[in-house]
Amino acid sequence: MSETSISSSLKHCSTCEFWSGPRKPANSYMTHVRYDTTDKAQCLGKHKGSSKGGHDSCSSWKKWAVLK
């Protein structure tokens, strides 16, 4: 397990609405996301069904709805 926190403004899978991986807001301001860097999860967007890590990205990124 290798947990990290990144800004919600970065266009990575962990901050994307379409990523199905486990993550949570890292602060009460909803400006950062905390997730495990070893986790892979399905993309429910452009790359439907593809296994993506939290640091991956693509052109169909949409900010996760719980973030500001």
Protein backbone atom coordinates (compact mmCIF):
# COMPACT_ATOMS: atom_id res chain seq x y z
CA MET A 1 0.00 0.00 0.00
CA SER A 2 1.37 3.37 -1.04
CA GLU A 3 -1.10 6.15 -0.39
CA THR A 4 -0.73 9.63 -1.86
CA SER A 5 -2.66 12.87 -2.11
CA ILE A 6 -2.94 15.05 -5.23
CA SER A 7 -4.66 18.29 -6.16
CA SER A 8 -8.15 18.06 -7.62
CA SER A 9 -7.01 20.35 -10.45
CA LEU A 10 -4.68 17.67 -11.87
CA LYS A 11 -6.28 15.74 -14.72
CA HIS A 12 -5.48 12.25 -13.44
CA CYS A 13 -7.78 9.24 -13.22
CA SER A 14 -7.96 9.54 -9.43
CA THR A 15 -9.67 12.96 -9.80
CA CYS A 16 -11.90 11.90 -12.71
CA GLU A 17 -15.64 11.22 -12.54
CA PHE A 18 -15.20 8.11 -14.74
CA TRP A 19 -12.59 6.26 -12.63
CA SER A 20 -14.10 3.47 -10.50
CA GLY A 21 -11.18 3.13 -8.09
CA PRO A 22 -11.24 3.63 -4.32
CA ARG A 23 -10.42 7.20 -3.28
CA LYS A 24 -11.57 9.86 -0.88
CA PRO A 25 -11.28 13.61 -0.48
CA ALA A 26 -8.03 14.32 1.38
CA ASN A 27 -9.27 17.44 3.15
CA SER A 28 -12.49 19.15 4.18
CA TYR A 29 -12.12 21.74 1.41
CA MET A 30 -12.49 18.99 -1.25
CA THR A 31 -9.40 20.28 -3.08
CA HIS A 32 -7.27 17.10 -2.89
CA VAL A 33 -7.82 13.38 -3.41
CA ARG A 34 -6.22 10.55 -1.42
CA TYR A 35 -5.77 7.15 -3.09
CA ASP A 36 -3.45 4.16 -3.16
CA THR A 37 -0.92 4.42 -6.00
CA THR A 38 -0.92 0.65 -6.48
CA ASP A 39 -4.68 0.46 -7.14
CA LYS A 40 -5.96 -0.12 -10.67
CA ALA A 41 -9.62 0.31 -11.56
CA GLN A 42 -11.92 0.34 -14.55
CA CYS A 43 -12.44 3.45 -16.61
CA LEU A 44 -16.14 4.10 -17.16
CA GLY A 45 -15.52 6.87 -19.71
CA LYS A 46 -13.59 6.96 -22.99
CA HIS A 47 -11.55 3.85 -22.17
CA LYS A 48 -14.53 1.77 -20.99
CA GLY A 49 -13.36 -1.37 -19.23
CA SER A 50 -9.65 -0.52 -19.39
CA SER A 51 -7.68 -0.93 -16.19
CA LYS A 52 -6.24 2.45 -15.19
CA GLY A 53 -4.05 3.59 -12.30
CA GLY A 54 -4.75 6.75 -10.33
CA HIS A 55 -1.93 8.69 -12.01
CA ASP A 56 -3.06 7.80 -15.55
CA SER A 57 -4.88 10.41 -17.61
CA CYS A 58 -6.74 10.92 -20.89
CA SER A 59 -8.45 13.58 -22.98
CA SER A 60 -11.95 12.72 -21.67
CA TRP A 61 -11.23 13.77 -18.07
CA LYS A 62 -14.13 15.20 -16.10
CA LYS A 63 -13.62 16.39 -12.51
CA TRP A 64 -15.03 13.99 -9.90
CA ALA A 65 -18.34 15.49 -8.72
CA VAL A 66 -17.43 15.53 -5.00
CA LEU A 67 -14.44 17.82 -5.64
CA LYS A 68 -14.29 21.59 -5.94
